[in-house]
mmCIF file of all heavy atoms, coordinates in Angstrom:
data_MODEL
# 
_entry.id   MODEL 
# 
loop_
_atom_site.group_PDB 
_atom_site.id 
_atom_site.type_symbol 
_atom_site.label_atom_id 
_atom_site.label_alt_id 
_atom_site.label_comp_id 
_atom_site.label_asym_id 
_atom_site.label_entity_id 
_atom_site.label_seq_id 
_atom_site.pdbx_PDB_ins_code 
_atom_site.Cartn_x 
_atom_site.Cartn_y 
_atom_site.Cartn_z 
_atom_site.occupancy 
_atom_site.B_iso_or_equiv 
_atom_site.pdbx_formal_charge 
_atom_site.auth_seq_id 
_atom_site.auth_comp_id 
_atom_site.auth_asym_id 
_atom_site.auth_atom_id 
_atom_site.pdbx_PDB_model_num 
ATOM 1   N N   . VAL A 1 1  ? 9.639  4.084  8.484   1.00 0.00 ? 1  VAL A N   1 
ATOM 2   C CA  . VAL A 1 1  ? 9.188  4.266  7.105   1.00 0.00 ? 1  VAL A CA  1 
ATOM 3   C C   . VAL A 1 1  ? 8.421  5.578  7.047   1.00 0.00 ? 1  VAL A C   1 
ATOM 4   O O   . VAL A 1 1  ? 7.371  5.728  7.662   1.00 0.00 ? 1  VAL A O   1 
ATOM 5   C CB  . VAL A 1 1  ? 8.296  3.101  6.648   1.00 0.00 ? 1  VAL A CB  1 
ATOM 6   C CG1 . VAL A 1 1  ? 7.852  3.317  5.199   1.00 0.00 ? 1  VAL A CG1 1 
ATOM 7   C CG2 . VAL A 1 1  ? 9.043  1.776  6.779   1.00 0.00 ? 1  VAL A CG2 1 
ATOM 8   N N   . ALA A 1 2  ? 8.957  6.530  6.310   1.00 0.00 ? 2  ALA A N   1 
ATOM 9   C CA  . ALA A 1 2  ? 8.344  7.853  6.236   1.00 0.00 ? 2  ALA A CA  1 
ATOM 10  C C   . ALA A 1 2  ? 7.266  7.928  5.166   1.00 0.00 ? 2  ALA A C   1 
ATOM 11  O O   . ALA A 1 2  ? 6.231  8.573  5.355   1.00 0.00 ? 2  ALA A O   1 
ATOM 12  C CB  . ALA A 1 2  ? 9.408  8.914  5.960   1.00 0.00 ? 2  ALA A CB  1 
ATOM 13  N N   . LEU A 1 3  ? 7.479  7.271  4.023   1.00 0.00 ? 3  LEU A N   1 
ATOM 14  C CA  . LEU A 1 3  ? 6.594  7.479  2.882   1.00 0.00 ? 3  LEU A CA  1 
ATOM 15  C C   . LEU A 1 3  ? 6.487  6.198  2.061   1.00 0.00 ? 3  LEU A C   1 
ATOM 16  O O   . LEU A 1 3  ? 7.490  5.518  1.809   1.00 0.00 ? 3  LEU A O   1 
ATOM 17  C CB  . LEU A 1 3  ? 7.155  8.606  2.000   1.00 0.00 ? 3  LEU A CB  1 
ATOM 18  C CG  . LEU A 1 3  ? 6.317  9.077  0.818   1.00 0.00 ? 3  LEU A CG  1 
ATOM 19  C CD1 . LEU A 1 3  ? 5.022  9.725  1.294   1.00 0.00 ? 3  LEU A CD1 1 
ATOM 20  C CD2 . LEU A 1 3  ? 7.114  10.069 -0.036  1.00 0.00 ? 3  LEU A CD2 1 
ATOM 21  N N   . LEU A 1 4  ? 5.253  5.875  1.665   1.00 0.00 ? 4  LEU A N   1 
ATOM 22  C CA  . LEU A 1 4  ? 4.974  4.780  0.742   1.00 0.00 ? 4  LEU A CA  1 
ATOM 23  C C   . LEU A 1 4  ? 4.411  5.375  -0.548  1.00 0.00 ? 4  LEU A C   1 
ATOM 24  O O   . LEU A 1 4  ? 3.413  6.108  -0.509  1.00 0.00 ? 4  LEU A O   1 
ATOM 25  C CB  . LEU A 1 4  ? 3.952  3.820  1.332   1.00 0.00 ? 4  LEU A CB  1 
ATOM 26  C CG  . LEU A 1 4  ? 4.407  2.897  2.460   1.00 0.00 ? 4  LEU A CG  1 
ATOM 27  C CD1 . LEU A 1 4  ? 3.198  2.279  3.137   1.00 0.00 ? 4  LEU A CD1 1 
ATOM 28  C CD2 . LEU A 1 4  ? 5.306  1.818  1.890   1.00 0.00 ? 4  LEU A CD2 1 
ATOM 29  N N   . VAL A 1 5  ? 5.025  5.059  -1.671  1.00 0.00 ? 5  VAL A N   1 
ATOM 30  C CA  . VAL A 1 5  ? 4.553  5.543  -2.968  1.00 0.00 ? 5  VAL A CA  1 
ATOM 31  C C   . VAL A 1 5  ? 4.272  4.331  -3.838  1.00 0.00 ? 5  VAL A C   1 
ATOM 32  O O   . VAL A 1 5  ? 5.140  3.465  -4.013  1.00 0.00 ? 5  VAL A O   1 
ATOM 33  C CB  . VAL A 1 5  ? 5.602  6.452  -3.644  1.00 0.00 ? 5  VAL A CB  1 
ATOM 34  C CG1 . VAL A 1 5  ? 5.058  6.973  -4.969  1.00 0.00 ? 5  VAL A CG1 1 
ATOM 35  C CG2 . VAL A 1 5  ? 5.988  7.604  -2.739  1.00 0.00 ? 5  VAL A CG2 1 
ATOM 36  N N   . THR A 1 6  ? 3.072  4.254  -4.365  1.00 0.00 ? 6  THR A N   1 
ATOM 37  C CA  . THR A 1 6  ? 2.722  3.127  -5.226  1.00 0.00 ? 6  THR A CA  1 
ATOM 38  C C   . THR A 1 6  ? 2.157  3.610  -6.551  1.00 0.00 ? 6  THR A C   1 
ATOM 39  O O   . THR A 1 6  ? 1.515  4.664  -6.624  1.00 0.00 ? 6  THR A O   1 
ATOM 40  C CB  . THR A 1 6  ? 1.690  2.209  -4.546  1.00 0.00 ? 6  THR A CB  1 
ATOM 41  O OG1 . THR A 1 6  ? 1.379  1.122  -5.438  1.00 0.00 ? 6  THR A OG1 1 
ATOM 42  C CG2 . THR A 1 6  ? 0.404  2.952  -4.202  1.00 0.00 ? 6  THR A CG2 1 
ATOM 43  N N   . GLU A 1 7  ? 2.409  2.841  -7.583  1.00 0.00 ? 7  GLU A N   1 
ATOM 44  C CA  . GLU A 1 7  ? 1.735  3.091  -8.853  1.00 0.00 ? 7  GLU A CA  1 
ATOM 45  C C   . GLU A 1 7  ? 0.255  2.739  -8.715  1.00 0.00 ? 7  GLU A C   1 
ATOM 46  O O   . GLU A 1 7  ? -0.152 2.046  -7.779  1.00 0.00 ? 7  GLU A O   1 
ATOM 47  C CB  . GLU A 1 7  ? 2.400  2.273  -9.967  1.00 0.00 ? 7  GLU A CB  1 
ATOM 48  C CG  . GLU A 1 7  ? 3.812  2.730  -10.298 1.00 0.00 ? 7  GLU A CG  1 
ATOM 49  C CD  . GLU A 1 7  ? 4.374  1.998  -11.507 1.00 0.00 ? 7  GLU A CD  1 
ATOM 50  O OE1 . GLU A 1 7  ? 3.572  1.535  -12.348 1.00 0.00 ? 7  GLU A OE1 1 
ATOM 51  O OE2 . GLU A 1 7  ? 5.607  1.888  -11.608 1.00 0.00 ? 7  GLU A OE2 1 
ATOM 52  N N   . SER A 1 8  ? -0.530 3.179  -9.668  1.00 0.00 ? 8  SER A N   1 
ATOM 53  C CA  . SER A 1 8  ? -1.980 2.969  -9.591  1.00 0.00 ? 8  SER A CA  1 
ATOM 54  C C   . SER A 1 8  ? -2.399 1.564  -10.024 1.00 0.00 ? 8  SER A C   1 
ATOM 55  O O   . SER A 1 8  ? -3.559 1.182  -9.854  1.00 0.00 ? 8  SER A O   1 
ATOM 56  C CB  . SER A 1 8  ? -2.707 4.016  -10.438 1.00 0.00 ? 8  SER A CB  1 
ATOM 57  O OG  . SER A 1 8  ? -2.315 3.914  -11.799 1.00 0.00 ? 8  SER A OG  1 
ATOM 58  N N   . ARG A 1 9  ? -1.476 0.797  -10.585 1.00 0.00 ? 9  ARG A N   1 
ATOM 59  C CA  . ARG A 1 9  ? -1.771 -0.565 -11.007 1.00 0.00 ? 9  ARG A CA  1 
ATOM 60  C C   . ARG A 1 9  ? -0.682 -1.506 -10.499 1.00 0.00 ? 9  ARG A C   1 
ATOM 61  O O   . ARG A 1 9  ? 0.514  -1.251 -10.702 1.00 0.00 ? 9  ARG A O   1 
ATOM 62  C CB  . ARG A 1 9  ? -1.883 -0.650 -12.533 1.00 0.00 ? 9  ARG A CB  1 
ATOM 63  C CG  . ARG A 1 9  ? -3.005 0.231  -13.078 1.00 0.00 ? 9  ARG A CG  1 
ATOM 64  C CD  . ARG A 1 9  ? -3.203 0.076  -14.564 1.00 0.00 ? 9  ARG A CD  1 
ATOM 65  N NE  . ARG A 1 9  ? -4.294 0.931  -15.030 1.00 0.00 ? 9  ARG A NE  1 
ATOM 66  C CZ  . ARG A 1 9  ? -4.772 0.910  -16.272 1.00 0.00 ? 9  ARG A CZ  1 
ATOM 67  N NH1 . ARG A 1 9  ? -4.251 0.085  -17.174 1.00 0.00 ? 9  ARG A NH1 1 
ATOM 68  N NH2 . ARG A 1 9  ? -5.771 1.705  -16.621 1.00 0.00 ? 9  ARG A NH2 1 
ATOM 69  N N   . LEU A 1 10 ? -1.110 -2.562 -9.826  1.00 0.00 ? 10 LEU A N   1 
ATOM 70  C CA  . LEU A 1 10 ? -0.187 -3.532 -9.252  1.00 0.00 ? 10 LEU A CA  1 
ATOM 71  C C   . LEU A 1 10 ? -0.477 -4.906 -9.850  1.00 0.00 ? 10 LEU A C   1 
ATOM 72  O O   . LEU A 1 10 ? -1.633 -5.232 -10.170 1.00 0.00 ? 10 LEU A O   1 
ATOM 73  C CB  . LEU A 1 10 ? -0.343 -3.582 -7.728  1.00 0.00 ? 10 LEU A CB  1 
ATOM 74  C CG  . LEU A 1 10 ? -0.108 -2.256 -6.991  1.00 0.00 ? 10 LEU A CG  1 
ATOM 75  C CD1 . LEU A 1 10 ? -0.413 -2.418 -5.504  1.00 0.00 ? 10 LEU A CD1 1 
ATOM 76  C CD2 . LEU A 1 10 ? 1.313  -1.762 -7.197  1.00 0.00 ? 10 LEU A CD2 1 
ATOM 77  N N   . PRO A 1 11 ? 0.543  -5.760 -9.984  1.00 0.00 ? 11 PRO A N   1 
ATOM 78  C CA  . PRO A 1 11 ? 0.337  -7.056 -10.649 1.00 0.00 ? 11 PRO A CA  1 
ATOM 79  C C   . PRO A 1 11 ? -0.417 -8.073 -9.801  1.00 0.00 ? 11 PRO A C   1 
ATOM 80  O O   . PRO A 1 11 ? -1.004 -9.016 -10.345 1.00 0.00 ? 11 PRO A O   1 
ATOM 81  C CB  . PRO A 1 11 ? 1.762  -7.522 -10.935 1.00 0.00 ? 11 PRO A CB  1 
ATOM 82  C CG  . PRO A 1 11 ? 2.597  -6.861 -9.883  1.00 0.00 ? 11 PRO A CG  1 
ATOM 83  C CD  . PRO A 1 11 ? 1.950  -5.519 -9.663  1.00 0.00 ? 11 PRO A CD  1 
ATOM 84  N N   . ASP A 1 12 ? -0.435 -7.914 -8.473  1.00 0.00 ? 12 ASP A N   1 
ATOM 85  C CA  . ASP A 1 12 ? -0.986 -8.961 -7.608  1.00 0.00 ? 12 ASP A CA  1 
ATOM 86  C C   . ASP A 1 12 ? -2.071 -8.462 -6.664  1.00 0.00 ? 12 ASP A C   1 
ATOM 87  O O   . ASP A 1 12 ? -2.491 -9.199 -5.757  1.00 0.00 ? 12 ASP A O   1 
ATOM 88  C CB  . ASP A 1 12 ? 0.138  -9.604 -6.796  1.00 0.00 ? 12 ASP A CB  1 
ATOM 89  C CG  . ASP A 1 12 ? 0.934  -8.594 -5.986  1.00 0.00 ? 12 ASP A CG  1 
ATOM 90  O OD1 . ASP A 1 12 ? 0.835  -7.379 -6.284  1.00 0.00 ? 12 ASP A OD1 1 
ATOM 91  O OD2 . ASP A 1 12 ? 1.645  -9.007 -5.064  1.00 0.00 ? 12 ASP A OD2 1 
ATOM 92  N N   . SER A 1 13 ? -2.551 -7.220 -6.840  1.00 0.00 ? 13 SER A N   1 
ATOM 93  C CA  . SER A 1 13 ? -3.567 -6.701 -5.930  1.00 0.00 ? 13 SER A CA  1 
ATOM 94  C C   . SER A 1 13 ? -4.146 -5.417 -6.492  1.00 0.00 ? 13 SER A C   1 
ATOM 95  O O   . SER A 1 13 ? -3.484 -4.701 -7.256  1.00 0.00 ? 13 SER A O   1 
ATOM 96  C CB  . SER A 1 13 ? -2.959 -6.427 -4.551  1.00 0.00 ? 13 SER A CB  1 
ATOM 97  O OG  . SER A 1 13 ? -3.870 -5.752 -3.700  1.00 0.00 ? 13 SER A OG  1 
ATOM 98  N N   . GLU A 1 14 ? -5.400 -5.135 -6.098  1.00 0.00 ? 14 GLU A N   1 
ATOM 99  C CA  . GLU A 1 14 ? -5.922 -3.792 -6.291  1.00 0.00 ? 14 GLU A CA  1 
ATOM 100 C C   . GLU A 1 14 ? -5.198 -2.850 -5.335  1.00 0.00 ? 14 GLU A C   1 
ATOM 101 O O   . GLU A 1 14 ? -4.661 -3.269 -4.303  1.00 0.00 ? 14 GLU A O   1 
ATOM 102 C CB  . GLU A 1 14 ? -7.427 -3.753 -6.027  1.00 0.00 ? 14 GLU A CB  1 
ATOM 103 C CG  . GLU A 1 14 ? -8.250 -4.596 -6.987  1.00 0.00 ? 14 GLU A CG  1 
ATOM 104 C CD  . GLU A 1 14 ? -8.212 -4.056 -8.399  1.00 0.00 ? 14 GLU A CD  1 
ATOM 105 O OE1 . GLU A 1 14 ? -8.108 -2.816 -8.550  1.00 0.00 ? 14 GLU A OE1 1 
ATOM 106 O OE2 . GLU A 1 14 ? -8.289 -4.852 -9.346  1.00 0.00 ? 14 GLU A OE2 1 
ATOM 107 N N   . VAL A 1 15 ? -5.186 -1.563 -5.666  1.00 0.00 ? 15 VAL A N   1 
ATOM 108 C CA  . VAL A 1 15 ? -4.403 -0.617 -4.872  1.00 0.00 ? 15 VAL A CA  1 
ATOM 109 C C   . VAL A 1 15 ? -4.981 -0.437 -3.466  1.00 0.00 ? 15 VAL A C   1 
ATOM 110 O O   . VAL A 1 15 ? -4.246 -0.463 -2.469  1.00 0.00 ? 15 VAL A O   1 
ATOM 111 C CB  . VAL A 1 15 ? -4.295 0.739  -5.589  1.00 0.00 ? 15 VAL A CB  1 
ATOM 112 C CG1 . VAL A 1 15 ? -3.715 1.802  -4.663  1.00 0.00 ? 15 VAL A CG1 1 
ATOM 113 C CG2 . VAL A 1 15 ? -3.409 0.601  -6.824  1.00 0.00 ? 15 VAL A CG2 1 
ATOM 114 N N   . HIS A 1 16 ? -6.296 -0.268 -3.357  1.00 0.00 ? 16 HIS A N   1 
ATOM 115 C CA  . HIS A 1 16 ? -6.883 0.002  -2.039  1.00 0.00 ? 16 HIS A CA  1 
ATOM 116 C C   . HIS A 1 16 ? -6.636 -1.124 -1.037  1.00 0.00 ? 16 HIS A C   1 
ATOM 117 O O   . HIS A 1 16 ? -6.219 -0.853 0.101   1.00 0.00 ? 16 HIS A O   1 
ATOM 118 C CB  . HIS A 1 16 ? -8.376 0.278  -2.176  1.00 0.00 ? 16 HIS A CB  1 
ATOM 119 C CG  . HIS A 1 16 ? -8.674 1.634  -2.735  1.00 0.00 ? 16 HIS A CG  1 
ATOM 120 N ND1 . HIS A 1 16 ? -9.901 1.953  -3.284  1.00 0.00 ? 16 HIS A ND1 1 
ATOM 121 C CD2 . HIS A 1 16 ? -7.923 2.755  -2.848  1.00 0.00 ? 16 HIS A CD2 1 
ATOM 122 C CE1 . HIS A 1 16 ? -9.881 3.215  -3.710  1.00 0.00 ? 16 HIS A CE1 1 
ATOM 123 N NE2 . HIS A 1 16 ? -8.691 3.711  -3.460  1.00 0.00 ? 16 HIS A NE2 1 
ATOM 124 N N   . PRO A 1 17 ? -6.858 -2.384 -1.377  1.00 0.00 ? 17 PRO A N   1 
ATOM 125 C CA  . PRO A 1 17 ? -6.526 -3.450 -0.417  1.00 0.00 ? 17 PRO A CA  1 
ATOM 126 C C   . PRO A 1 17 ? -5.038 -3.490 -0.058  1.00 0.00 ? 17 PRO A C   1 
ATOM 127 O O   . PRO A 1 17 ? -4.683 -3.779 1.091   1.00 0.00 ? 17 PRO A O   1 
ATOM 128 C CB  . PRO A 1 17 ? -6.959 -4.725 -1.150  1.00 0.00 ? 17 PRO A CB  1 
ATOM 129 C CG  . PRO A 1 17 ? -7.988 -4.279 -2.126  1.00 0.00 ? 17 PRO A CG  1 
ATOM 130 C CD  . PRO A 1 17 ? -7.557 -2.911 -2.562  1.00 0.00 ? 17 PRO A CD  1 
ATOM 131 N N   . ALA A 1 18 ? -4.186 -3.219 -1.041  1.00 0.00 ? 18 ALA A N   1 
ATOM 132 C CA  . ALA A 1 18 ? -2.747 -3.207 -0.745  1.00 0.00 ? 18 ALA A CA  1 
ATOM 133 C C   . ALA A 1 18 ? -2.396 -2.106 0.254   1.00 0.00 ? 18 ALA A C   1 
ATOM 134 O O   . ALA A 1 18 ? -1.654 -2.332 1.212   1.00 0.00 ? 18 ALA A O   1 
ATOM 135 C CB  . ALA A 1 18 ? -1.957 -3.019 -2.044  1.00 0.00 ? 18 ALA A CB  1 
ATOM 136 N N   . LEU A 1 19 ? -2.962 -0.924 0.036   1.00 0.00 ? 19 LEU A N   1 
ATOM 137 C CA  . LEU A 1 19 ? -2.715 0.180  0.963   1.00 0.00 ? 19 LEU A CA  1 
ATOM 138 C C   . LEU A 1 19 ? -3.216 -0.166 2.366   1.00 0.00 ? 19 LEU A C   1 
ATOM 139 O O   . LEU A 1 19 ? -2.585 0.186  3.375   1.00 0.00 ? 19 LEU A O   1 
ATOM 140 C CB  . LEU A 1 19 ? -3.402 1.445  0.461   1.00 0.00 ? 19 LEU A CB  1 
ATOM 141 C CG  . LEU A 1 19 ? -2.783 2.124  -0.768  1.00 0.00 ? 19 LEU A CG  1 
ATOM 142 C CD1 . LEU A 1 19 ? -3.751 3.143  -1.352  1.00 0.00 ? 19 LEU A CD1 1 
ATOM 143 C CD2 . LEU A 1 19 ? -1.459 2.789  -0.408  1.00 0.00 ? 19 LEU A CD2 1 
ATOM 144 N N   . HIS A 1 20 ? -4.342 -0.872 2.445   1.00 0.00 ? 20 HIS A N   1 
ATOM 145 C CA  . HIS A 1 20 ? -4.891 -1.262 3.739   1.00 0.00 ? 20 HIS A CA  1 
ATOM 146 C C   . HIS A 1 20 ? -3.925 -2.193 4.473   1.00 0.00 ? 20 HIS A C   1 
ATOM 147 O O   . HIS A 1 20 ? -3.680 -2.036 5.677   1.00 0.00 ? 20 HIS A O   1 
ATOM 148 C CB  . HIS A 1 20 ? -6.235 -1.951 3.535   1.00 0.00 ? 20 HIS A CB  1 
ATOM 149 C CG  . HIS A 1 20 ? -6.970 -2.245 4.794   1.00 0.00 ? 20 HIS A CG  1 
ATOM 150 N ND1 . HIS A 1 20 ? -7.591 -1.268 5.533   1.00 0.00 ? 20 HIS A ND1 1 
ATOM 151 C CD2 . HIS A 1 20 ? -7.165 -3.409 5.478   1.00 0.00 ? 20 HIS A CD2 1 
ATOM 152 C CE1 . HIS A 1 20 ? -8.152 -1.810 6.602   1.00 0.00 ? 20 HIS A CE1 1 
ATOM 153 N NE2 . HIS A 1 20 ? -7.903 -3.114 6.582   1.00 0.00 ? 20 HIS A NE2 1 
ATOM 154 N N   . VAL A 1 21 ? -3.371 -3.151 3.758   1.00 0.00 ? 21 VAL A N   1 
ATOM 155 C CA  . VAL A 1 21 ? -2.399 -4.075 4.365   1.00 0.00 ? 21 VAL A CA  1 
ATOM 156 C C   . VAL A 1 21 ? -1.158 -3.316 4.806   1.00 0.00 ? 21 VAL A C   1 
ATOM 157 O O   . VAL A 1 21 ? -0.652 -3.507 5.919   1.00 0.00 ? 21 VAL A O   1 
ATOM 158 C CB  . VAL A 1 21 ? -2.035 -5.195 3.375   1.00 0.00 ? 21 VAL A CB  1 
ATOM 159 C CG1 . VAL A 1 21 ? -0.861 -6.022 3.903   1.00 0.00 ? 21 VAL A CG1 1 
ATOM 160 C CG2 . VAL A 1 21 ? -3.237 -6.091 3.125   1.00 0.00 ? 21 VAL A CG2 1 
ATOM 161 N N   . TRP A 1 22 ? -0.663 -2.449 3.958   1.00 0.00 ? 22 TRP A N   1 
ATOM 162 C CA  . TRP A 1 22 ? 0.561  -1.715 4.287   1.00 0.00 ? 22 TRP A CA  1 
ATOM 163 C C   . TRP A 1 22 ? 0.360  -0.815 5.498   1.00 0.00 ? 22 TRP A C   1 
ATOM 164 O O   . TRP A 1 22 ? 1.243  -0.695 6.346   1.00 0.00 ? 22 TRP A O   1 
ATOM 165 C CB  . TRP A 1 22 ? 1.020  -0.890 3.085   1.00 0.00 ? 22 TRP A CB  1 
ATOM 166 C CG  . TRP A 1 22 ? 1.313  -1.698 1.864   1.00 0.00 ? 22 TRP A CG  1 
ATOM 167 C CD1 . TRP A 1 22 ? 1.566  -3.048 1.797   1.00 0.00 ? 22 TRP A CD1 1 
ATOM 168 C CD2 . TRP A 1 22 ? 1.375  -1.232 0.513   1.00 0.00 ? 22 TRP A CD2 1 
ATOM 169 N NE1 . TRP A 1 22 ? 1.765  -3.441 0.507   1.00 0.00 ? 22 TRP A NE1 1 
ATOM 170 C CE2 . TRP A 1 22 ? 1.667  -2.349 -0.319  1.00 0.00 ? 22 TRP A CE2 1 
ATOM 171 C CE3 . TRP A 1 22 ? 1.214  0.012  -0.082  1.00 0.00 ? 22 TRP A CE3 1 
ATOM 172 C CZ2 . TRP A 1 22 ? 1.798  -2.240 -1.694  1.00 0.00 ? 22 TRP A CZ2 1 
ATOM 173 C CZ3 . TRP A 1 22 ? 1.341  0.131  -1.460  1.00 0.00 ? 22 TRP A CZ3 1 
ATOM 174 C CH2 . TRP A 1 22 ? 1.645  -0.974 -2.250  1.00 0.00 ? 22 TRP A CH2 1 
ATOM 175 N N   . ARG A 1 23 ? -0.797 -0.168 5.570   1.00 0.00 ? 23 ARG A N   1 
ATOM 176 C CA  . ARG A 1 23 ? -1.057 0.695  6.726   1.00 0.00 ? 23 ARG A CA  1 
ATOM 177 C C   . ARG A 1 23 ? -1.088 -0.115 8.016   1.00 0.00 ? 23 ARG A C   1 
ATOM 178 O O   . ARG A 1 23 ? -0.641 0.360  9.068   1.00 0.00 ? 23 ARG A O   1 
ATOM 179 C CB  . ARG A 1 23 ? -2.365 1.461  6.572   1.00 0.00 ? 23 ARG A CB  1 
ATOM 180 C CG  . ARG A 1 23 ? -2.596 2.413  7.738   1.00 0.00 ? 23 ARG A CG  1 
ATOM 181 C CD  . ARG A 1 23 ? -3.769 3.337  7.536   1.00 0.00 ? 23 ARG A CD  1 
ATOM 182 N NE  . ARG A 1 23 ? -5.036 2.660  7.658   1.00 0.00 ? 23 ARG A NE  1 
ATOM 183 C CZ  . ARG A 1 23 ? -6.212 3.306  7.716   1.00 0.00 ? 23 ARG A CZ  1 
ATOM 184 N NH1 . ARG A 1 23 ? -6.234 4.628  7.628   1.00 0.00 ? 23 ARG A NH1 1 
ATOM 185 N NH2 . ARG A 1 23 ? -7.330 2.642  7.816   1.00 0.00 ? 23 ARG A NH2 1 
ATOM 186 N N   . GLY A 1 24 ? -1.598 -1.332 7.955   1.00 0.00 ? 24 GLY A N   1 
ATOM 187 C CA  . GLY A 1 24 ? -1.590 -2.172 9.139   1.00 0.00 ? 24 GLY A CA  1 
ATOM 188 C C   . GLY A 1 24 ? -0.195 -2.497 9.628   1.00 0.00 ? 24 GLY A C   1 
ATOM 189 O O   . GLY A 1 24 ? 0.025  -2.708 10.831  1.00 0.00 ? 24 GLY A O   1 
ATOM 190 N N   . ILE A 1 25 ? 0.776  -2.525 8.717   1.00 0.00 ? 25 ILE A N   1 
ATOM 191 C CA  . ILE A 1 25 ? 2.163  -2.836 9.099   1.00 0.00 ? 25 ILE A CA  1 
ATOM 192 C C   . ILE A 1 25 ? 2.884  -1.580 9.592   1.00 0.00 ? 25 ILE A C   1 
ATOM 193 O O   . ILE A 1 25 ? 3.572  -1.613 10.625  1.00 0.00 ? 25 ILE A O   1 
ATOM 194 C CB  . ILE A 1 25 ? 2.918  -3.453 7.896   1.00 0.00 ? 25 ILE A CB  1 
ATOM 195 C CG1 . ILE A 1 25 ? 2.201  -4.715 7.405   1.00 0.00 ? 25 ILE A CG1 1 
ATOM 196 C CG2 . ILE A 1 25 ? 4.358  -3.778 8.289   1.00 0.00 ? 25 ILE A CG2 1 
ATOM 197 C CD1 . ILE A 1 25 ? 2.719  -5.235 6.073   1.00 0.00 ? 25 ILE A CD1 1 
ATOM 198 N N   . VAL A 1 26 ? 2.738  -0.470 8.865   1.00 0.00 ? 26 VAL A N   1 
ATOM 199 C CA  . VAL A 1 26 ? 3.407  0.789  9.246   1.00 0.00 ? 26 VAL A CA  1 
ATOM 200 C C   . VAL A 1 26 ? 2.375  1.916  9.229   1.00 0.00 ? 26 VAL A C   1 
ATOM 201 O O   . VAL A 1 26 ? 2.295  2.683  8.271   1.00 0.00 ? 26 VAL A O   1 
ATOM 202 C CB  . VAL A 1 26 ? 4.609  1.114  8.324   1.00 0.00 ? 26 VAL A CB  1 
ATOM 203 C CG1 . VAL A 1 26 ? 5.814  0.270  8.669   1.00 0.00 ? 26 VAL A CG1 1 
ATOM 204 C CG2 . VAL A 1 26 ? 4.242  0.935  6.857   1.00 0.00 ? 26 VAL A CG2 1 
ATOM 205 N N   . PRO A 1 27 ? 1.567  2.044  10.275  1.00 0.00 ? 27 PRO A N   1 
ATOM 206 C CA  . PRO A 1 27 ? 0.465  3.020  10.263  1.00 0.00 ? 27 PRO A CA  1 
ATOM 207 C C   . PRO A 1 27 ? 0.904  4.466  10.251  1.00 0.00 ? 27 PRO A C   1 
ATOM 208 O O   . PRO A 1 27 ? 0.110  5.343  9.898   1.00 0.00 ? 27 PRO A O   1 
ATOM 209 C CB  . PRO A 1 27 ? -0.296 2.686  11.549  1.00 0.00 ? 27 PRO A CB  1 
ATOM 210 C CG  . PRO A 1 27 ? 0.673  1.963  12.412  1.00 0.00 ? 27 PRO A CG  1 
ATOM 211 C CD  . PRO A 1 27 ? 1.569  1.213  11.492  1.00 0.00 ? 27 PRO A CD  1 
ATOM 212 N N   . THR A 1 28 ? 2.154  4.746  10.614  1.00 0.00 ? 28 THR A N   1 
ATOM 213 C CA  . THR A 1 28 ? 2.581  6.148  10.656  1.00 0.00 ? 28 THR A CA  1 
ATOM 214 C C   . THR A 1 28 ? 3.092  6.657  9.316   1.00 0.00 ? 28 THR A C   1 
ATOM 215 O O   . THR A 1 28 ? 3.251  7.862  9.132   1.00 0.00 ? 28 THR A O   1 
ATOM 216 C CB  . THR A 1 28 ? 3.699  6.341  11.702  1.00 0.00 ? 28 THR A CB  1 
ATOM 217 O OG1 . THR A 1 28 ? 4.803  5.488  11.367  1.00 0.00 ? 28 THR A OG1 1 
ATOM 218 C CG2 . THR A 1 28 ? 3.197  6.006  13.100  1.00 0.00 ? 28 THR A CG2 1 
# 
C-alpha cells in the first residue's frame, strides 16, 4: 500500500484515530 487518502469527515470515526489504526496495519 503506497498511499492512503481520506476525506476530513468519516461516518464511523474521527480522522486522527482512524489514521492511527491504519498506520498500525500498514506503517509504510
